[in-house]
PDB file of N, CA and C in Angstrom:
ATOM      1  N   MET A   1      90.872 115.077  98.446  1.00  0.00           N
ATOM      2  CA  MET A   1      92.310 115.046  98.462  1.00  0.00           C
ATOM      3  C   MET A   1      92.751 114.345  99.733  1.00  0.00           C
ATOM      4  N   ALA A   2      93.691 113.448  99.633  1.00  0.00           N
ATOM      5  CA  ALA A   2      94.189 112.749 100.805  1.00  0.00           C
ATOM      6  C   ALA A   2      95.307 113.568 101.436  1.00  0.00           C
ATOM      7  N   THR A   3      95.034 114.147 102.585  1.00  0.00           N
ATOM      8  CA  THR A   3      96.031 114.918 103.322  1.00  0.00           C
ATOM      9  C   THR A   3      96.023 114.409 104.748  1.00  0.00           C
ATOM     10  N   ALA A   4      96.727 115.118 105.617  1.00  0.00           N
ATOM     11  CA  ALA A   4      96.746 114.709 107.020  1.00  0.00           C
ATOM     12  C   ALA A   4      95.353 114.766 107.635  1.00  0.00           C
ATOM     13  N   ASN A   5      94.468 115.598 107.100  1.00  0.00           N
ATOM     14  CA  ASN A   5      93.122 115.761 107.641  1.00  0.00           C
ATOM     15  C   ASN A   5      92.069 114.911 106.930  1.00  0.00           C
ATOM     16  N   HIS A   6      92.424 114.286 105.822  1.00  0.00           N
ATOM     17  CA  HIS A   6      91.443 113.556 105.034  1.00  0.00           C
ATOM     18  C   HIS A   6      91.953 112.166 104.682  1.00  0.00           C
ATOM     19  N   SER A   7      91.077 111.193 104.763  1.00  0.00           N
ATOM     20  CA  SER A   7      91.399 109.838 104.322  1.00  0.00           C
ATOM     21  C   SER A   7      91.075 109.713 102.850  1.00  0.00           C
ATOM     22  N   PRO A   8      91.732 108.801 102.151  1.00  0.00           N
ATOM     23  CA  PRO A   8      91.408 108.604 100.734  1.00  0.00           C
ATOM     24  C   PRO A   8      89.947 108.208 100.543  1.00  0.00           C
ATOM     25  N   ARG A   9      89.345 108.682  99.467  1.00  0.00           N
ATOM     26  CA  ARG A   9      87.986 108.309  99.068  1.00  0.00           C
ATOM     27  C   ARG A   9      88.075 107.405  97.851  1.00  0.00           C
ATOM     28  N   PHE A  10      87.126 106.499  97.730  1.00  0.00           N
ATOM     29  CA  PHE A  10      87.037 105.630  96.574  1.00  0.00           C
ATOM     30  C   PHE A  10      85.808 106.037  95.775  1.00  0.00           C
ATOM     31  N   VAL A  11      86.011 106.328  94.501  1.00  0.00           N
ATOM     32  CA  VAL A  11      84.912 106.721  93.618  1.00  0.00           C
ATOM     33  C   VAL A  11      84.824 105.663  92.529  1.00  0.00           C
ATOM     34  N   ALA A  12      83.722 104.932  92.491  1.00  0.00           N
ATOM     35  CA  ALA A  12      83.532 103.869  91.497  1.00  0.00           C
ATOM     36  C   ALA A  12      82.359 104.231  90.596  1.00  0.00           C
ATOM     37  N   ARG A  13      82.554 104.055  89.326  1.00  0.00           N
ATOM     38  CA  ARG A  13      81.493 104.320  88.352  1.00  0.00           C
ATOM     39  C   ARG A  13      81.521 103.239  87.283  1.00  0.00           C
ATOM     40  N   LYS A  14      80.368 102.983  86.688  1.00  0.00           N
ATOM     41  CA  LYS A  14      80.272 102.054  85.566  1.00  0.00           C
ATOM     42  C   LYS A  14      79.940 102.840  84.312  1.00  0.00           C
ATOM     43  N   LYS A  15      80.769 102.678  83.295  1.00  0.00           N
ATOM     44  CA  LYS A  15      80.516 103.341  82.013  1.00  0.00           C
ATOM     45  C   LYS A  15      79.424 102.577  81.276  1.00  0.00           C
ATOM     46  N   LEU A  16      78.405 103.289  80.842  1.00  0.00           N
ATOM     47  CA  LEU A  16      77.317 102.649  80.110  1.00  0.00           C
ATOM     48  C   LEU A  16      77.652 102.454  78.642  1.00  0.00           C
ATOM     49  N   HIS A  17      78.436 103.377  78.102  1.00  0.00           N
ATOM     50  CA  HIS A  17      78.832 103.313  76.697  1.00  0.00           C
ATOM     51  C   HIS A  17      80.351 103.477  76.613  1.00  0.00           C
ATOM     52  N   PRO A  18      81.028 102.680  75.811  1.00  0.00           N
ATOM     53  CA  PRO A  18      82.488 102.706  75.772  1.00  0.00           C
ATOM     54  C   PRO A  18      83.075 104.072  75.417  1.00  0.00           C
ATOM     55  N   ASN A  19      82.365 104.876  74.652  1.00  0.00           N
ATOM     56  CA  ASN A  19      82.900 106.167  74.217  1.00  0.00           C
ATOM     57  C   ASN A  19      82.513 107.318  75.138  1.00  0.00           C
ATOM     58  N   ASP A  20      81.815 107.052  76.246  1.00  0.00           N
ATOM     59  CA  ASP A  20      81.449 108.109  77.183  1.00  0.00           C
ATOM     60  C   ASP A  20      82.701 108.711  77.826  1.00  0.00           C
ATOM     61  N   SER A  21      82.715 110.024  77.941  1.00  0.00           N
ATOM     62  CA  SER A  21      83.810 110.722  78.602  1.00  0.00           C
ATOM     63  C   SER A  21      83.651 110.613  80.115  1.00  0.00           C
ATOM     64  N   ILE A  22      84.766 110.478  80.830  1.00  0.00           N
ATOM     65  CA  ILE A  22      84.679 110.505  82.288  1.00  0.00           C
ATOM     66  C   ILE A  22      84.595 111.938  82.781  1.00  0.00           C
ATOM     67  N   GLY A  23      84.970 112.914  81.948  1.00  0.00           N
ATOM     68  CA  GLY A  23      84.728 114.317  82.232  1.00  0.00           C
ATOM     69  C   GLY A  23      85.696 114.990  83.176  1.00  0.00           C
ATOM     70  N   LEU A  24      86.964 114.616  83.138  1.00  0.00           N
ATOM     71  CA  LEU A  24      87.946 115.234  84.026  1.00  0.00           C
ATOM     72  C   LEU A  24      88.999 115.987  83.231  1.00  0.00           C
ATOM     73  N   THR A  25      89.438 117.122  83.779  1.00  0.00           N
ATOM     74  CA  THR A  25      90.630 117.805  83.311  1.00  0.00           C
ATOM     75  C   THR A  25      91.637 117.704  84.451  1.00  0.00           C
ATOM     76  N   LEU A  26      92.819 117.175  84.150  1.00  0.00           N
ATOM     77  CA  LEU A  26      93.835 116.949  85.175  1.00  0.00           C
ATOM     78  C   LEU A  26      95.012 117.896  84.983  1.00  0.00           C
ATOM     79  N   VAL A  27      95.691 118.220  86.082  1.00  0.00           N
ATOM     80  CA  VAL A  27      96.898 119.042  86.038  1.00  0.00           C
ATOM     81  C   VAL A  27      97.944 118.418  86.943  1.00  0.00           C
ATOM     82  N   GLY A  28      99.188 118.835  86.747  1.00  0.00           N
ATOM     83  CA  GLY A  28     100.276 118.365  87.600  1.00  0.00           C
ATOM     84  C   GLY A  28     101.002 117.210  86.974  1.00  0.00           C
ATOM     85  N   GLY A  29     101.557 116.385  87.831  1.00  0.00           N
ATOM     86  CA  GLY A  29     102.335 115.238  87.401  1.00  0.00           C
ATOM     87  C   GLY A  29     103.707 115.267  88.051  1.00  0.00           C
ATOM     88  N   ASN A  30     104.494 114.260  87.761  1.00  0.00           N
ATOM     89  CA  ASN A  30     105.852 114.129  88.312  1.00  0.00           C
ATOM     90  C   ASN A  30     105.853 114.273  89.832  1.00  0.00           C
ATOM     91  N   ALA A  31     106.653 115.163  90.371  1.00  0.00           N
ATOM     92  CA  ALA A  31     106.849 115.268  91.822  1.00  0.00           C
ATOM     93  C   ALA A  31     105.685 115.907  92.564  1.00  0.00           C
ATOM     94  N   VAL A  32     104.843 116.691  91.874  1.00  0.00           N
ATOM     95  CA  VAL A  32     103.775 117.412  92.574  1.00  0.00           C
ATOM     96  C   VAL A  32     102.500 116.605  92.732  1.00  0.00           C
ATOM     97  N   GLY A  33     102.331 115.559  91.971  1.00  0.00           N
ATOM     98  CA  GLY A  33     101.106 114.766  92.008  1.00  0.00           C
ATOM     99  C   GLY A  33     100.154 115.171  90.899  1.00  0.00           C
ATOM    100  N   ILE A  34      99.092 114.414  90.746  1.00  0.00           N
ATOM    101  CA  ILE A  34      98.076 114.680  89.725  1.00  0.00           C
ATOM    102  C   ILE A  34      96.809 115.136  90.433  1.00  0.00           C
ATOM    103  N   PHE A  35      96.266 116.262  89.990  1.00  0.00           N
ATOM    104  CA  PHE A  35      95.111 116.870  90.633  1.00  0.00           C
ATOM    105  C   PHE A  35      94.006 117.114  89.617  1.00  0.00           C
ATOM    106  N   VAL A  36      92.755 117.124  90.111  1.00  0.00           N
ATOM    107  CA  VAL A  36      91.604 117.406  89.264  1.00  0.00           C
ATOM    108  C   VAL A  36      91.466 118.925  89.130  1.00  0.00           C
ATOM    109  N   ARG A  37      91.533 119.394  87.898  1.00  0.00           N
ATOM    110  CA  ARG A  37      91.363 120.832  87.635  1.00  0.00           C
ATOM    111  C   ARG A  37      89.900 121.166  87.416  1.00  0.00           C
ATOM    112  N   ASP A  38      89.190 120.275  86.726  1.00  0.00           N
ATOM    113  CA  ASP A  38      87.796 120.551  86.383  1.00  0.00           C
ATOM    114  C   ASP A  38      87.044 119.242  86.211  1.00  0.00           C
ATOM    115  N   VAL A  39      85.767 119.258  86.575  1.00  0.00           N
ATOM    116  CA  VAL A  39      84.857 118.132  86.338  1.00  0.00           C
ATOM    117  C   VAL A  39      83.731 118.660  85.456  1.00  0.00           C
ATOM    118  N   VAL A  40      83.559 118.072  84.291  1.00  0.00           N
ATOM    119  CA  VAL A  40      82.541 118.521  83.347  1.00  0.00           C
ATOM    120  C   VAL A  40      81.162 118.116  83.856  1.00  0.00           C
ATOM    121  N   PRO A  41      80.247 119.085  84.004  1.00  0.00           N
ATOM    122  CA  PRO A  41      78.895 118.777  84.479  1.00  0.00           C
ATOM    123  C   PRO A  41      78.194 117.749  83.586  1.00  0.00           C
ATOM    124  N   GLY A  42      77.509 116.816  84.216  1.00  0.00           N
ATOM    125  CA  GLY A  42      76.727 115.821  83.485  1.00  0.00           C
ATOM    126  C   GLY A  42      77.515 114.625  82.987  1.00  0.00           C
ATOM    127  N   THR A  43      78.812 114.572  83.289  1.00  0.00           N
ATOM    128  CA  THR A  43      79.608 113.431  82.848  1.00  0.00           C
ATOM    129  C   THR A  43      79.687 112.372  83.948  1.00  0.00           C
ATOM    130  N   LEU A  44      80.376 111.309  83.665  1.00  0.00           N
ATOM    131  CA  LEU A  44      80.407 110.128  84.526  1.00  0.00           C
ATOM    132  C   LEU A  44      80.829 110.421  85.967  1.00  0.00           C
ATOM    133  N   LEU A  45      81.812 111.279  86.161  1.00  0.00           N
ATOM    134  CA  LEU A  45      82.339 111.510  87.504  1.00  0.00           C
ATOM    135  C   LEU A  45      81.764 112.745  88.183  1.00  0.00           C
ATOM    136  N   ASP A  46      80.794 113.389  87.572  1.00  0.00           N
ATOM    137  CA  ASP A  46      80.131 114.544  88.162  1.00  0.00           C
ATOM    138  C   ASP A  46      79.129 114.074  89.211  1.00  0.00           C
ATOM    139  N   GLY A  47      78.897 114.884  90.214  1.00  0.00           N
ATOM    140  CA  GLY A  47      77.879 114.555  91.213  1.00  0.00           C
ATOM    141  C   GLY A  47      78.420 114.637  92.617  1.00  0.00           C
ATOM    142  N   GLY A  48      77.526 114.554  93.587  1.00  0.00           N
ATOM    143  CA  GLY A  48      77.865 114.721  94.988  1.00  0.00           C
ATOM    144  C   GLY A  48      78.910 113.755  95.513  1.00  0.00           C
ATOM    145  N   ASN A  49      78.887 112.520  95.054  1.00  0.00           N
ATOM    146  CA  ASN A  49      79.853 111.521  95.529  1.00  0.00           C
ATOM    147  C   ASN A  49      80.973 111.291  94.529  1.00  0.00           C
ATOM    148  N   GLY A  50      81.062 112.171  93.553  1.00  0.00           N
ATOM    149  CA  GLY A  50      82.077 111.996  92.522  1.00  0.00           C
ATOM    150  C   GLY A  50      83.382 112.677  92.876  1.00  0.00           C
ATOM    151  N   VAL A  51      84.234 112.779  91.895  1.00  0.00           N
ATOM    152  CA  VAL A  51      85.508 113.458  92.030  1.00  0.00           C
ATOM    153  C   VAL A  51      85.245 114.958  92.036  1.00  0.00           C
ATOM    154  N   GLN A  52      86.014 115.695  92.823  1.00  0.00           N
ATOM    155  CA  GLN A  52      85.808 117.139  92.948  1.00  0.00           C
ATOM    156  C   GLN A  52      87.059 117.893  92.536  1.00  0.00           C
ATOM    157  N   CYS A  53      86.883 119.135  92.115  1.00  0.00           N
ATOM    158  CA  CYS A  53      88.018 119.987  91.772  1.00  0.00           C
ATOM    159  C   CYS A  53      88.946 120.074  92.980  1.00  0.00           C
ATOM    160  N   GLY A  54      90.238 119.946  92.725  1.00  0.00           N
ATOM    161  CA  GLY A  54      91.228 119.995  93.796  1.00  0.00           C
ATOM    162  C   GLY A  54      91.611 118.638  94.352  1.00  0.00           C
ATOM    163  N   ASP A  55      90.836 117.588  94.047  1.00  0.00           N
ATOM    164  CA  ASP A  55      91.184 116.242  94.519  1.00  0.00           C
ATOM    165  C   ASP A  55      92.513 115.804  93.911  1.00  0.00           C
ATOM    166  N   GLN A  56      93.320 115.132  94.712  1.00  0.00           N
ATOM    167  CA  GLN A  56      94.531 114.519  94.202  1.00  0.00           C
ATOM    168  C   GLN A  56      94.196 113.084  93.817  1.00  0.00           C
ATOM    169  N   ILE A  57      94.567 112.693  92.601  1.00  0.00           N
ATOM    170  CA  ILE A  57      94.335 111.334  92.127  1.00  0.00           C
ATOM    171  C   ILE A  57      95.485 110.465  92.630  1.00  0.00           C
ATOM    172  N   LEU A  58      95.164 109.491  93.455  1.00  0.00           N
ATOM    173  CA  LEU A  58      96.182 108.609  94.023  1.00  0.00           C
ATOM    174  C   LEU A  58      96.326 107.324  93.223  1.00  0.00           C
ATOM    175  N   GLN A  59      95.225 106.837  92.671  1.00  0.00           N
ATOM    176  CA  GLN A  59      95.261 105.580  91.933  1.00  0.00           C
ATOM    177  C   GLN A  59      94.032 105.492  91.042  1.00  0.00           C
ATOM    178  N   VAL A  60      94.195 104.900  89.862  1.00  0.00           N
ATOM    179  CA  VAL A  60      93.077 104.662  88.949  1.00  0.00           C
ATOM    180  C   VAL A  60      93.128 103.201  88.531  1.00  0.00           C
ATOM    181  N   LEU A  61      92.018 102.514  88.691  1.00  0.00           N
ATOM    182  CA  LEU A  61      91.900 101.131  88.249  1.00  0.00           C
ATOM    183  C   LEU A  61      90.775 101.063  87.230  1.00  0.00           C
ATOM    184  N   LEU A  62      91.031 100.422  86.105  1.00  0.00           N
ATOM    185  CA  LEU A  62      90.023 100.271  85.061  1.00  0.00           C
ATOM    186  C   LEU A  62      89.803  98.783  84.847  1.00  0.00           C
ATOM    187  N   PHE A  63      88.568  98.365  85.054  1.00  0.00           N
ATOM    188  CA  PHE A  63      88.210  96.966  84.867  1.00  0.00           C
ATOM    189  C   PHE A  63      87.493  96.845  83.524  1.00  0.00           C
ATOM    190  N   LEU A  64      88.220  96.434  82.503  1.00  0.00           N
ATOM    191  CA  LEU A  64      87.669  96.407  81.147  1.00  0.00           C
ATOM    192  C   LEU A  64      86.528  95.417  80.987  1.00  0.00           C
ATOM    193  N   PHE A  65      86.586  94.303  81.676  1.00  0.00           N
ATOM    194  CA  PHE A  65      85.579  93.262  81.473  1.00  0.00           C
ATOM    195  C   PHE A  65      84.190  93.700  81.931  1.00  0.00           C
ATOM    196  N   CYS A  66      84.096  94.637  82.867  1.00  0.00           N
ATOM    197  CA  CYS A  66      82.776  95.082  83.323  1.00  0.00           C
ATOM    198  C   CYS A  66      82.612  96.585  83.158  1.00  0.00           C
ATOM    199  N   LYS A  67      83.554  97.238  82.462  1.00  0.00           N
ATOM    200  CA  LYS A  67      83.489  98.670  82.165  1.00  0.00           C
ATOM    201  C   LYS A  67      83.364  99.510  83.416  1.00  0.00           C
ATOM    202  N   LYS A  68      84.052  99.130  84.482  1.00  0.00           N
ATOM    203  CA  LYS A  68      84.002  99.896  85.732  1.00  0.00           C
ATOM    204  C   LYS A  68      85.296 100.669  85.913  1.00  0.00           C
ATOM    205  N   LEU A  69      85.168 101.810  86.536  1.00  0.00           N
ATOM    206  CA  LEU A  69      86.292 102.686  86.804  1.00  0.00           C
ATOM    207  C   LEU A  69      86.326 102.965  88.290  1.00  0.00           C
ATOM    208  N   LEU A  70      87.480 102.781  88.927  1.00  0.00           N
ATOM    209  CA  LEU A  70      87.639 103.072  90.355  1.00  0.00           C
ATOM    210  C   LEU A  70      88.761 104.099  90.508  1.00  0.00           C
ATOM    211  N   ILE A  71      88.458 105.206  91.128  1.00  0.00           N
ATOM    212  CA  ILE A  71      89.444 106.261  91.350  1.00  0.00           C
ATOM    213  C   ILE A  71      89.610 106.453  92.843  1.00  0.00           C
ATOM    214  N   VAL A  72      90.853 106.476  93.293  1.00  0.00           N
ATOM    215  CA  VAL A  72      91.160 106.761  94.690  1.00  0.00           C
ATOM    216  C   VAL A  72      91.708 108.171  94.750  1.00  0.00           C
ATOM    217  N   CYS A  73      91.031 109.032  95.530  1.00  0.00           N
ATOM    218  CA  CYS A  73      91.474 110.423  95.613  1.00  0.00           C
ATOM    219  C   CYS A  73      91.394 110.889  97.045  1.00  0.00           C
TER     220      CYS A  73
END
């Protein structure tokens, strides 16, 4: 989560199959921001350098030509 104590992190992943789930449950929206509620184990964004529960999603970029996903949290 990007707060006064934390700088934004960049999480980049490449989807191997177009129908693979990124494995996130999100909450919030509008004025409060979008936050990660849950990360499904074994999915694309799971792991030590992945997105974590409680992270605020600041930006999502999807590069269709190379099936890459970049999340700033």
